[in-house]
C-alpha atoms as a PDB file:
ATOM      1  CA  MET A   1      26.177  54.827  50.736  1.00  0.00           C
ATOM      2  CA  ARG A   2      24.697  51.693  52.307  1.00  0.00           C
ATOM      3  CA  PRO A   3      26.186  50.566  55.633  1.00  0.00           C
ATOM      4  CA  LEU A   4      28.212  47.356  55.574  1.00  0.00           C
ATOM      5  CA  ILE A   5      26.495  44.651  57.610  1.00  0.00           C
ATOM      6  CA  GLY A   6      28.655  41.693  58.564  1.00  0.00           C
ATOM      7  CA  LEU A   7      27.098  38.237  58.357  1.00  0.00           C
ATOM      8  CA  THR A   8      28.810  35.480  60.297  1.00  0.00           C
ATOM      9  CA  THR A   9      29.152  32.281  58.311  1.00  0.00           C
ATOM     10  CA  SER A  10      28.887  28.573  59.034  1.00  0.00           C
ATOM     11  CA  MET A  11      31.691  26.230  58.108  1.00  0.00           C
ATOM     12  CA  ILE A  12      30.688  23.294  55.943  1.00  0.00           C
ATOM     13  CA  PRO A  13      33.124  20.379  56.451  1.00  0.00           C
ATOM     14  CA  ALA A  14      34.756  18.801  53.395  1.00  0.00           C
ATOM     15  CA  GLN A  15      32.814  15.562  53.792  1.00  0.00           C
ATOM     16  CA  GLU A  16      29.518  17.496  53.627  1.00  0.00           C
ATOM     17  CA  SER A  17      30.486  19.871  50.805  1.00  0.00           C
ATOM     18  CA  GLY A  18      31.848  17.111  48.589  1.00  0.00           C
ATOM     19  CA  SER A  19      35.286  18.631  48.052  1.00  0.00           C
ATOM     20  CA  MET A  20      36.796  21.052  50.569  1.00  0.00           C
ATOM     21  CA  GLU A  21      35.797  23.057  53.636  1.00  0.00           C
ATOM     22  CA  ARG A  22      33.554  25.989  52.755  1.00  0.00           C
ATOM     23  CA  PHE A  23      32.049  28.959  54.532  1.00  0.00           C
ATOM     24  CA  SER A  24      28.350  29.492  53.948  1.00  0.00           C
ATOM     25  CA  VAL A  25      25.421  31.733  54.825  1.00  0.00           C
ATOM     26  CA  ALA A  26      21.825  31.364  53.656  1.00  0.00           C
ATOM     27  CA  ALA A  27      20.917  33.730  50.827  1.00  0.00           C
ATOM     28  CA  LEU A  28      17.772  34.865  52.639  1.00  0.00           C
ATOM     29  CA  TYR A  29      19.926  36.672  55.236  1.00  0.00           C
ATOM     30  CA  CYS A  30      21.767  38.550  52.481  1.00  0.00           C
ATOM     31  CA  ARG A  31      18.466  39.519  50.879  1.00  0.00           C
ATOM     32  CA  ALA A  32      17.113  40.690  54.236  1.00  0.00           C
ATOM     33  CA  VAL A  33      20.142  42.932  54.793  1.00  0.00           C
ATOM     34  CA  LEU A  34      19.707  44.401  51.300  1.00  0.00           C
ATOM     35  CA  ALA A  35      15.985  44.945  51.866  1.00  0.00           C
ATOM     36  CA  ALA A  36      16.770  46.773  55.109  1.00  0.00           C
ATOM     37  CA  GLY A  37      19.144  49.132  53.294  1.00  0.00           C
ATOM     38  CA  GLY A  38      22.484  47.513  54.103  1.00  0.00           C
ATOM     39  CA  SER A  39      25.227  45.844  52.089  1.00  0.00           C
ATOM     40  CA  PRO A  40      25.970  42.307  53.283  1.00  0.00           C
ATOM     41  CA  ILE A  41      29.564  41.216  53.759  1.00  0.00           C
ATOM     42  CA  PHE A  42      30.640  37.783  54.996  1.00  0.00           C
ATOM     43  CA  VAL A  43      32.653  37.441  58.206  1.00  0.00           C
ATOM     44  CA  PRO A  44      34.085  33.905  58.356  1.00  0.00           C
ATOM     45  CA  GLY A  45      34.841  32.421  61.767  1.00  0.00           C
ATOM     46  CA  LEU A  46      38.551  31.823  61.376  1.00  0.00           C
ATOM     47  CA  GLY A  47      39.381  31.968  65.083  1.00  0.00           C
ATOM     48  CA  ASP A  48      41.957  34.741  64.611  1.00  0.00           C
ATOM     49  CA  ALA A  49      41.471  37.279  67.408  1.00  0.00           C
ATOM     50  CA  GLU A  50      44.136  39.553  65.899  1.00  0.00           C
ATOM     51  CA  ALA A  51      41.971  40.057  62.786  1.00  0.00           C
ATOM     52  CA  VAL A  52      39.071  41.528  64.772  1.00  0.00           C
ATOM     53  CA  PRO A  53      40.414  45.111  64.994  1.00  0.00           C
ATOM     54  CA  ALA A  54      40.707  45.234  61.188  1.00  0.00           C
ATOM     55  CA  ILE A  55      37.380  43.563  60.390  1.00  0.00           C
ATOM     56  CA  PHE A  56      34.853  45.276  62.646  1.00  0.00           C
ATOM     57  CA  PRO A  57      35.472  49.049  62.462  1.00  0.00           C
ATOM     58  CA  PRO A  58      34.062  49.483  58.920  1.00  0.00           C
ATOM     59  CA  LEU A  59      30.886  47.563  59.791  1.00  0.00           C
ATOM     60  CA  GLY A  60      27.650  49.365  60.534  1.00  0.00           C
ATOM     61  CA  GLY A  61      26.224  46.227  62.126  1.00  0.00           C
ATOM     62  CA  LEU A  62      26.708  42.527  62.619  1.00  0.00           C
ATOM     63  CA  LEU A  63      24.162  39.760  62.060  1.00  0.00           C
ATOM     64  CA  PHE A  64      24.562  36.337  63.641  1.00  0.00           C
ATOM     65  CA  PRO A  65      22.286  34.074  61.565  1.00  0.00           C
ATOM     66  CA  GLY A  66      20.872  31.191  63.559  1.00  0.00           C
ATOM     67  CA  CYS A  67      22.041  27.665  63.033  1.00  0.00           C
ATOM     68  CA  PRO A  68      21.307  24.290  64.588  1.00  0.00           C
ATOM     69  CA  ALA A  69      24.890  24.081  65.932  1.00  0.00           C
ATOM     70  CA  LEU A  70      24.255  26.988  68.302  1.00  0.00           C
ATOM     71  CA  GLU A  71      23.065  25.442  71.543  1.00  0.00           C
ATOM     72  CA  PRO A  72      22.369  28.212  74.089  1.00  0.00           C
ATOM     73  CA  THR A  73      22.566  25.864  77.079  1.00  0.00           C
ATOM     74  CA  ARG A  74      26.245  25.193  76.327  1.00  0.00           C
ATOM     75  CA  HIS A  75      27.284  28.817  76.846  1.00  0.00           C
ATOM     76  CA  ASP A  76      27.967  30.751  80.055  1.00  0.00           C
ATOM     77  CA  PRO A  77      26.183  32.421  81.661  1.00  0.00           C
ATOM     78  CA  PRO A  78      22.916  30.516  81.370  1.00  0.00           C
ATOM     79  CA  PRO A  79      20.131  32.325  79.509  1.00  0.00           C
ATOM     80  CA  THR A  80      18.155  34.839  81.550  1.00  0.00           C
ATOM     81  CA  PRO A  81      14.437  34.023  81.656  1.00  0.00           C
ATOM     82  CA  ARG A  82      12.336  36.628  79.865  1.00  0.00           C
ATOM     83  CA  PRO A  83       9.055  37.855  81.270  1.00  0.00           C
ATOM     84  CA  ALA A  84       5.952  36.654  79.463  1.00  0.00           C
ATOM     85  CA  PRO A  85       4.604  39.121  76.892  1.00  0.00           C
ATOM     86  CA  PRO A  86       1.451  40.956  77.900  1.00  0.00           C
ATOM     87  CA  ALA A  87      -1.787  39.236  76.992  1.00  0.00           C
ATOM     88  CA  CYS A  88      -3.748  40.591  74.061  1.00  0.00           C
ATOM     89  CA  PRO A  89      -7.058  42.236  75.010  1.00  0.00           C
END
């Protein structure tokens, strides 16, 4: 049986979707999870902390797809600088 891999979703406001608020994730992330041997399942950001204990135990992993709304400089603590990769010979 394939492991369930949770994919966090983006919320599309009603004015952008043309009708009502929607949760969305790019299809390429779902295809990547399938190609890696997992079964994608959407995890909408509803802001309900009490739902977390029910949602996460069955998951074999969690993928946070990137989005332009994620601005790392707005989160604490500030990002840790990474060392430069070694130079190629």
